[in-house]
């Protein structure tokens, strides 16, 4: 998903370059690098910077100043761009009010908790188009637009959605993981909408600049926060590992566990993949007397074991990738570079080995493969 979004950012940047809006291009190229670093993005940034050096001081209308993403030269804003009072309907005000009163991301987007990614995307697009300040002129349209975008950013990301589902409301979610998801407070919802639509919807210049000035004022205050807050993303990385391990201890059903507990204290080992699992005394007595029942339940147990190891494998690979990305910010061979690479190499990928071994076993056993659906 990150790679696709990064490519869309590059596409938007190319369009901006064609219009000589190099500041906007650089902004989207930096977003692209954050999502998925590529030599193409680096090359285009160099091209933009070179053009800016040989460009007259006057920037194109709607571009950002070189002083920062939220500062703007006075001469860049023609008088006719001043916001004008516009009409809006009672329905538009009602929609904004309804969105702002909700705290559950699923309710904000109007989808069920079991909604698919496609359903969530469809709902976001529909609401974003109705709430976009260039279309909806109600007083709270910008805030409602941002709230919808924030909900979509969370629910469209599998990992964030998994964490969010454990808390259920925006307040609880932010209280526990607000530092990690701070980008949802800092991101520009208009840029996000540009990425989502390919940069072809609406003229967002005036509304975006108003929003960015407010955000800049907030960011100035945040710069004095405790520097330990910068470690929050790393804390979350390790939290993912902990959650993955916790999730692996219990099966999706409540009839068995992969670790011994006071309730599940009778040990059994599955026949095909030799998975160790525990059941209660009654289930144990039933299974050792009925081979067919045991054979059937072990198919489900092995599937659960496979899925949970696959989930843990993906989490740990993401953690490893994080440290590798961190290393790229430093010169190869430097202390910081080696330190991050060492952390990446220390990540436990034994769950990935389990997944690979189970795949090989099931592929060699065609009947088992058909029975389990692997």
Protein backbone atom coordinates (compact mmCIF):
# COMPACT_ATOMS: atom_id res chain seq x y z
CA UNK A 1 0.00 0.00 0.00
CA UNK A 2 2.81 2.45 0.89
CA UNK A 3 4.50 1.83 -2.45
CA UNK A 4 1.31 2.62 -4.37
CA UNK A 5 0.72 5.82 -2.37
CA UNK A 6 4.35 6.83 -2.93
CA UNK A 7 3.93 6.45 -6.69
CA UNK A 8 0.77 8.56 -6.60
CA UNK A 9 2.69 11.28 -4.75
CA UNK A 10 5.33 11.21 -7.50
CA UNK A 11 2.60 11.52 -10.16
CA UNK A 12 1.20 14.60 -8.40
CA UNK A 13 4.73 16.01 -8.11
CA UNK A 14 5.28 15.57 -11.87
CA UNK A 15 2.10 17.52 -12.59
CA UNK A 16 3.31 20.28 -10.27
CA UNK A 17 6.70 20.34 -12.03
CA UNK A 18 4.97 20.73 -15.39
CA UNK A 19 3.24 23.81 -13.94
CA UNK A 20 6.57 25.09 -12.51
CA UNK A 21 5.16 24.72 -8.98
CA UNK A 22 8.39 23.30 -7.57
CA UNK A 23 7.56 23.89 -3.91
CA UNK A 24 4.45 21.74 -4.17
CA UNK A 25 6.41 19.12 -6.11
CA UNK A 26 9.07 18.94 -3.39
CA UNK A 27 6.39 18.59 -0.72
CA UNK A 28 4.83 15.58 -2.44
CA UNK A 29 8.21 14.07 -3.30
CA UNK A 30 9.16 14.20 0.37
CA UNK A 31 5.87 12.49 1.22
CA UNK A 32 6.73 9.83 -1.38
CA UNK A 33 10.15 9.26 0.19
CA UNK A 34 8.58 8.90 3.62
CA UNK A 35 6.19 6.24 2.30
CA UNK A 36 8.65 4.40 0.06
CA UNK A 37 12.14 5.84 -0.70
CA UNK A 38 13.13 5.69 -4.39
CA UNK A 39 15.99 7.11 -6.50
CA UNK A 40 13.36 8.69 -8.77
CA UNK A 41 12.03 10.86 -5.94
CA UNK A 42 15.57 11.94 -5.00
CA UNK A 43 16.31 12.83 -8.61
CA UNK A 44 13.13 14.88 -9.01
CA UNK A 45 13.84 16.76 -5.78
CA UNK A 46 17.28 17.70 -7.11
CA UNK A 47 15.65 18.85 -10.35
CA UNK A 48 13.17 21.03 -8.44
CA UNK A 49 15.88 22.54 -6.24
CA UNK A 50 17.99 23.31 -9.29
CA UNK A 51 15.05 25.05 -10.97
CA UNK A 52 14.28 27.04 -7.83
CA UNK A 53 17.85 28.36 -7.73
CA UNK A 54 17.51 29.73 -11.25
CA UNK A 55 13.93 30.89 -10.77
CA UNK A 56 12.86 34.54 -10.21
CA UNK A 57 11.98 35.41 -6.60
CA UNK A 58 8.26 35.53 -7.37
CA UNK A 59 6.76 32.10 -6.82
CA UNK A 60 3.79 30.75 -8.78
CA UNK A 61 0.38 31.42 -7.34
CA UNK A 62 -0.50 28.79 -4.75
CA UNK A 63 3.07 27.60 -4.10
CA UNK A 64 4.78 27.49 -0.72
CA UNK A 65 7.67 29.74 0.28
CA UNK A 66 11.11 28.30 0.88
CA UNK A 67 10.88 29.33 4.55
CA UNK A 68 8.73 26.31 5.37
CA UNK A 69 5.62 24.36 4.41
CA UNK A 70 3.27 26.66 6.30
CA UNK A 71 4.82 30.08 5.44
CA UNK A 72 3.75 32.02 2.42
CA UNK A 73 5.06 35.15 0.71
CA UNK A 74 2.62 38.02 0.80
CA UNK A 75 2.97 38.73 -2.91
CA UNK A 76 1.96 35.16 -3.77
CA UNK A 77 -1.62 35.78 -2.70
CA UNK A 78 -3.57 37.97 -5.14
CA UNK A 79 -6.36 40.09 -3.72
CA UNK A 80 -9.03 38.13 -5.56
CA UNK A 81 -8.10 35.02 -3.57
CA UNK A 82 -9.42 36.53 -0.34
CA UNK A 83 -12.14 34.28 1.09
CA UNK A 84 -15.61 35.41 0.16
CA UNK A 85 -18.79 34.78 2.07
CA UNK A 86 -20.62 31.90 0.45
CA UNK A 87 -23.97 30.31 0.96
CA UNK A 88 -24.48 26.85 2.44
CA UNK A 89 -27.47 24.65 3.13
CA UNK A 90 -28.94 23.33 6.36
CA UNK A 91 -28.13 19.80 5.19
CA UNK A 92 -24.44 20.70 4.84
CA UNK A 93 -24.37 22.13 8.37
CA UNK A 94 -26.18 19.03 9.68
CA UNK A 95 -23.68 16.67 8.01
CA UNK A 96 -20.72 18.54 9.52
CA UNK A 97 -22.33 18.54 12.97
CA UNK A 98 -23.08 14.81 12.80
CA UNK A 99 -19.50 13.99 11.84
CA UNK A 100 -17.98 16.16 14.57
CA UNK A 101 -20.22 14.65 17.26
CA UNK A 102 -19.02 11.11 16.54
CA UNK A 103 -15.94 9.60 18.16
CA UNK A 104 -15.94 6.10 16.65
CA UNK A 105 -14.07 5.91 13.35
CA UNK A 106 -16.46 3.31 11.91
CA UNK A 107 -19.44 5.53 12.77
CA UNK A 108 -17.69 8.59 11.33
CA UNK A 109 -17.35 6.83 7.97
CA UNK A 110 -20.74 5.12 8.30
CA UNK A 111 -19.42 1.57 7.90
CA UNK A 112 -19.71 -1.60 9.96
CA UNK A 113 -16.77 -2.89 11.96
CA UNK A 114 -16.42 -5.84 9.57
CA UNK A 115 -16.37 -3.59 6.49
CA UNK A 116 -13.85 -4.44 3.78
CA UNK A 117 -11.08 -2.10 2.66
CA UNK A 118 -13.01 -1.40 -0.56
CA UNK A 119 -16.17 -0.46 1.38
CA UNK A 120 -14.21 1.87 3.66
CA UNK A 121 -12.52 3.50 0.68
CA UNK A 122 -15.86 4.02 -1.08
CA UNK A 123 -17.42 5.64 2.00
CA UNK A 124 -14.44 7.91 2.54
CA UNK A 125 -14.53 9.14 -1.05
CA UNK A 126 -18.26 9.85 -0.83
CA UNK A 127 -17.99 11.78 2.44
CA UNK A 128 -14.80 13.61 1.47
CA UNK A 129 -16.42 14.89 -1.71
CA UNK A 130 -19.45 16.13 0.25
CA UNK A 131 -17.39 17.74 3.01
CA UNK A 132 -14.57 19.23 0.96
CA UNK A 133 -14.51 22.98 1.78
CA UNK A 134 -14.47 23.86 -1.92
CA UNK A 135 -17.89 22.20 -2.17
CA UNK A 136 -19.28 22.45 1.36
CA UNK A 137 -19.12 26.04 2.67
CA UNK A 138 -20.55 25.33 6.13
CA UNK A 139 -18.50 26.86 9.01
CA UNK A 140 -17.26 23.49 10.33
CA UNK A 141 -16.68 21.83 6.95
CA UNK A 142 -12.87 21.89 7.23
CA UNK A 143 -12.93 20.26 10.69
CA UNK A 144 -15.40 17.60 9.55
CA UNK A 145 -13.36 16.99 6.40
CA UNK A 146 -10.25 16.45 8.48
CA UNK A 147 -12.04 14.11 10.88
CA UNK A 148 -13.25 11.92 8.02
CA UNK A 149 -9.74 11.85 6.56
CA UNK A 150 -8.27 10.94 9.95
CA UNK A 151 -10.72 8.04 10.33
CA UNK A 152 -9.89 6.77 6.86
CA UNK A 153 -6.13 7.02 7.45
CA UNK A 154 -6.52 4.73 10.45
CA UNK A 155 -9.03 2.19 9.12
CA UNK A 156 -7.35 1.84 5.71
CA UNK A 157 -4.11 0.75 7.40
CA UNK A 158 -4.35 -2.86 8.60
CA UNK A 159 -1.99 -2.39 11.55
CA UNK A 160 -3.55 0.84 12.79
CA UNK A 161 -7.02 -0.65 12.38
CA UNK A 162 -6.02 -3.71 14.40
CA UNK A 163 -4.81 -1.51 17.27
CA UNK A 164 -7.82 0.80 17.01
CA UNK A 165 -10.25 -2.14 17.20
CA UNK A 166 -8.95 -2.88 20.69
CA UNK A 167 -10.07 0.54 21.97
CA UNK A 168 -13.21 1.41 20.04
CA UNK A 169 -13.41 5.19 20.39
CA UNK A 170 -11.26 8.07 19.23
CA UNK A 171 -10.61 9.29 22.79
CA UNK A 172 -9.42 5.91 24.09
CA UNK A 173 -7.41 5.30 20.95
CA UNK A 174 -5.56 8.61 21.11
CA UNK A 175 -5.03 8.37 24.86
CA UNK A 176 -3.16 5.10 24.44
CA UNK A 177 -1.47 5.58 21.06
CA UNK A 178 -1.68 9.32 20.40
CA UNK A 179 2.08 9.76 20.13
CA UNK A 180 2.51 7.06 17.49
CA UNK A 181 -0.41 8.34 15.42
CA UNK A 182 0.64 11.97 15.72
CA UNK A 183 0.95 12.17 11.95
CA UNK A 184 -2.86 12.07 11.87
CA UNK A 185 -2.80 15.39 13.76
CA UNK A 186 0.01 16.86 11.65
CA UNK A 187 -1.01 15.71 8.19
CA UNK A 188 -2.67 18.07 5.75
CA UNK A 189 -6.07 16.53 4.89
CA UNK A 190 -6.06 18.40 1.59
CA UNK A 191 -2.73 16.86 0.56
CA UNK A 192 -4.09 13.47 1.63
CA UNK A 193 -7.18 14.04 -0.51
CA UNK A 194 -4.90 15.05 -3.41
CA UNK A 195 -3.05 11.75 -3.09
CA UNK A 196 -6.30 9.81 -2.85
CA UNK A 197 -7.81 11.42 -5.96
CA UNK A 198 -4.59 11.86 -7.92
CA UNK A 199 -4.57 15.64 -7.44
CA UNK A 200 -7.37 16.27 -9.93
CA UNK A 201 -10.20 17.39 -7.62
CA UNK A 202 -11.05 20.98 -6.71
CA UNK A 203 -8.93 24.11 -6.35
CA UNK A 204 -7.84 23.85 -2.73
CA UNK A 205 -5.40 26.75 -2.48
CA UNK A 206 -7.27 29.17 -0.20
CA UNK A 207 -8.67 26.57 2.21
CA UNK A 208 -5.35 24.72 2.39
CA UNK A 209 -3.40 27.87 3.26
CA UNK A 210 -5.85 28.77 6.04
CA UNK A 211 -5.59 25.24 7.42
CA UNK A 212 -1.79 25.20 7.18
CA UNK A 213 -1.44 28.49 9.04
CA UNK A 214 -3.47 27.06 11.93
CA UNK A 215 -1.41 23.89 11.92
CA UNK A 216 1.83 25.87 11.87
CA UNK A 217 0.81 27.72 15.03
CA UNK A 218 0.08 24.38 16.72
CA UNK A 219 3.37 22.87 15.56
CA UNK A 220 5.35 25.83 16.97
CA UNK A 221 3.95 24.97 20.40
CA UNK A 222 4.68 21.27 19.98
CA UNK A 223 8.38 21.88 19.36
CA UNK A 224 8.92 22.46 23.08
CA UNK A 225 7.49 19.09 24.09
CA UNK A 226 9.49 16.50 25.97
CA UNK A 227 12.08 14.99 23.58
CA UNK A 228 11.16 11.56 24.94
CA UNK A 229 7.99 11.88 22.87
CA UNK A 230 10.16 11.35 19.81
CA UNK A 231 10.73 7.78 21.00
CA UNK A 232 7.01 6.98 20.85
CA UNK A 233 7.16 5.45 17.34
CA UNK A 234 9.86 3.05 18.51
CA UNK A 235 7.74 2.13 21.53
CA UNK A 236 4.90 1.24 19.19
CA UNK A 237 7.18 -0.96 17.09
CA UNK A 238 7.90 -3.09 20.13
CA UNK A 239 4.25 -2.97 21.15
CA UNK A 240 3.38 -4.63 17.85
CA UNK A 241 5.73 -7.47 18.71
CA UNK A 242 4.13 -7.88 22.14
CA UNK A 243 0.61 -7.88 20.71
CA UNK A 244 1.60 -10.40 18.09
CA UNK A 245 2.95 -12.73 20.77
CA UNK A 246 -0.10 -12.27 22.97
CA UNK A 247 -2.35 -13.04 20.04
CA UNK A 248 -0.44 -16.22 19.38
CA UNK A 249 -1.12 -17.74 22.79
CA UNK A 250 -4.81 -18.38 22.28
CA UNK A 251 -6.74 -19.80 19.38
CA UNK A 252 -9.57 -17.86 17.80
CA UNK A 253 -11.98 -20.28 19.43
CA UNK A 254 -11.97 -20.93 23.17
CA UNK A 255 -11.64 -24.72 23.02
CA UNK A 256 -7.84 -24.87 22.98
CA UNK A 257 -4.68 -22.87 23.57
CA UNK A 258 -1.10 -22.95 22.30
CA UNK A 259 0.18 -22.40 25.84
CA UNK A 260 -0.72 -24.23 29.03
CA UNK A 261 -3.26 -22.50 31.25
CA UNK A 262 -5.23 -23.49 34.33
CA UNK A 263 -8.15 -24.41 32.05
CA UNK A 264 -6.26 -25.89 29.10
CA UNK A 265 -3.75 -28.14 30.83
CA UNK A 266 -3.82 -31.33 28.74
CA UNK A 267 -1.10 -31.42 26.08
CA UNK A 268 -1.55 -32.87 22.58
CA UNK A 269 0.54 -32.70 19.39
CA UNK A 270 -1.01 -32.50 15.93
CA UNK A 271 -0.16 -35.24 13.46
CA UNK A 272 0.78 -33.36 10.27
CA UNK A 273 2.72 -30.32 11.49
CA UNK A 274 3.47 -31.50 15.04
CA UNK A 275 1.89 -28.40 16.57
CA UNK A 276 1.77 -28.50 20.36
CA UNK A 277 -1.60 -27.45 21.79
CA UNK A 278 -3.54 -27.73 25.05
CA UNK A 279 -7.17 -28.62 25.75
CA UNK A 280 -9.31 -29.09 28.84
CA UNK A 281 -9.80 -32.50 30.43
CA UNK A 282 -13.18 -33.24 28.80
CA UNK A 283 -11.95 -32.36 25.32
CA UNK A 284 -8.81 -34.41 25.89
CA UNK A 285 -10.83 -37.50 26.85
CA UNK A 286 -13.03 -37.03 23.79
CA UNK A 287 -10.17 -36.57 21.31
CA UNK A 288 -8.06 -39.53 22.39
CA UNK A 289 -11.08 -41.79 21.92
CA UNK A 290 -12.21 -40.41 18.57
CA UNK A 291 -9.53 -40.24 15.83
CA UNK A 292 -11.86 -38.64 13.27
CA UNK A 293 -12.85 -35.82 15.62
CA UNK A 294 -9.22 -35.23 16.53
CA UNK A 295 -8.18 -35.25 12.87
CA UNK A 296 -10.79 -32.61 12.01
CA UNK A 297 -10.06 -30.30 14.92
CA UNK A 298 -6.31 -30.50 14.33
CA UNK A 299 -6.83 -29.18 10.81
CA UNK A 300 -8.36 -26.04 12.33
CA UNK A 301 -5.69 -25.83 15.04
CA UNK A 302 -2.88 -26.02 12.49
CA UNK A 303 -4.55 -23.33 10.38
CA UNK A 304 -4.75 -21.04 13.42
CA UNK A 305 -1.15 -21.78 14.30
CA UNK A 306 -0.09 -20.96 10.74
CA UNK A 307 -2.07 -17.68 10.63
CA UNK A 308 -0.77 -16.50 13.99
CA UNK A 309 2.83 -17.22 13.05
CA UNK A 310 2.27 -15.49 9.71
CA UNK A 311 0.95 -12.42 11.54
CA UNK A 312 3.91 -12.41 13.93
CA UNK A 313 6.29 -12.89 11.01
CA UNK A 314 4.89 -9.85 9.21
CA UNK A 315 5.06 -7.71 12.33
CA UNK A 316 8.67 -8.68 12.99
CA UNK A 317 9.65 -8.08 9.38
CA UNK A 318 8.11 -4.62 9.61
CA UNK A 319 10.16 -3.95 12.73
CA UNK A 320 13.28 -5.14 10.93
CA UNK A 321 12.48 -2.91 7.95
CA UNK A 322 12.07 0.03 10.33
CA UNK A 323 15.65 -0.30 11.60
CA UNK A 324 16.98 -0.78 8.07
CA UNK A 325 15.21 2.42 6.98
CA UNK A 326 16.67 4.21 9.98
CA UNK A 327 20.16 3.06 8.95
CA UNK A 328 19.76 4.62 5.51
CA UNK A 329 19.76 8.08 7.06
CA UNK A 330 23.43 7.62 8.01
CA UNK A 331 26.63 7.00 6.07
CA UNK A 332 27.24 3.32 5.43
CA UNK A 333 29.81 2.03 7.90
CA UNK A 334 29.24 4.82 10.44
CA UNK A 335 28.46 4.06 14.09
CA UNK A 336 24.78 5.01 13.76
CA UNK A 337 24.43 3.00 10.56
CA UNK A 338 25.97 -0.13 12.11
CA UNK A 339 23.91 0.35 15.27
CA UNK A 340 20.62 0.31 13.35
CA UNK A 341 21.68 -2.61 11.15
CA UNK A 342 22.61 -4.56 14.28
CA UNK A 343 19.15 -3.92 15.73
CA UNK A 344 17.61 -5.12 12.47
CA UNK A 345 19.66 -8.32 12.57
CA UNK A 346 18.59 -9.02 16.16
CA UNK A 347 14.89 -9.20 15.27
CA UNK A 348 13.55 -12.72 15.83
CA UNK A 349 12.23 -14.17 12.56
CA UNK A 350 11.69 -17.71 13.87
CA UNK A 351 7.96 -17.34 13.19
CA UNK A 352 8.80 -16.84 9.50
CA UNK A 353 10.72 -20.12 9.54
CA UNK A 354 7.67 -21.85 11.04
CA UNK A 355 5.48 -20.43 8.27
CA UNK A 356 7.88 -21.56 5.55
CA UNK A 357 8.19 -25.05 7.02
CA UNK A 358 4.41 -25.46 7.29
CA UNK A 359 4.02 -24.28 3.69
CA UNK A 360 6.51 -26.84 2.45
CA UNK A 361 4.84 -29.63 4.41
CA UNK A 362 1.35 -28.79 3.18
CA UNK A 363 2.53 -28.43 -0.43
CA UNK A 364 4.09 -31.88 -0.31
CA UNK A 365 0.85 -33.34 1.03
CA UNK A 366 -1.77 -32.66 -1.64
CA UNK A 367 -4.63 -34.27 0.28
CA UNK A 368 -3.84 -32.20 3.36
CA UNK A 369 -3.58 -29.10 1.22
CA UNK A 370 -7.07 -29.68 -0.21
CA UNK A 371 -8.52 -30.41 3.22
CA UNK A 372 -7.19 -27.27 4.90
CA UNK A 373 -7.52 -24.95 1.91
CA UNK A 374 -3.87 -23.79 2.05
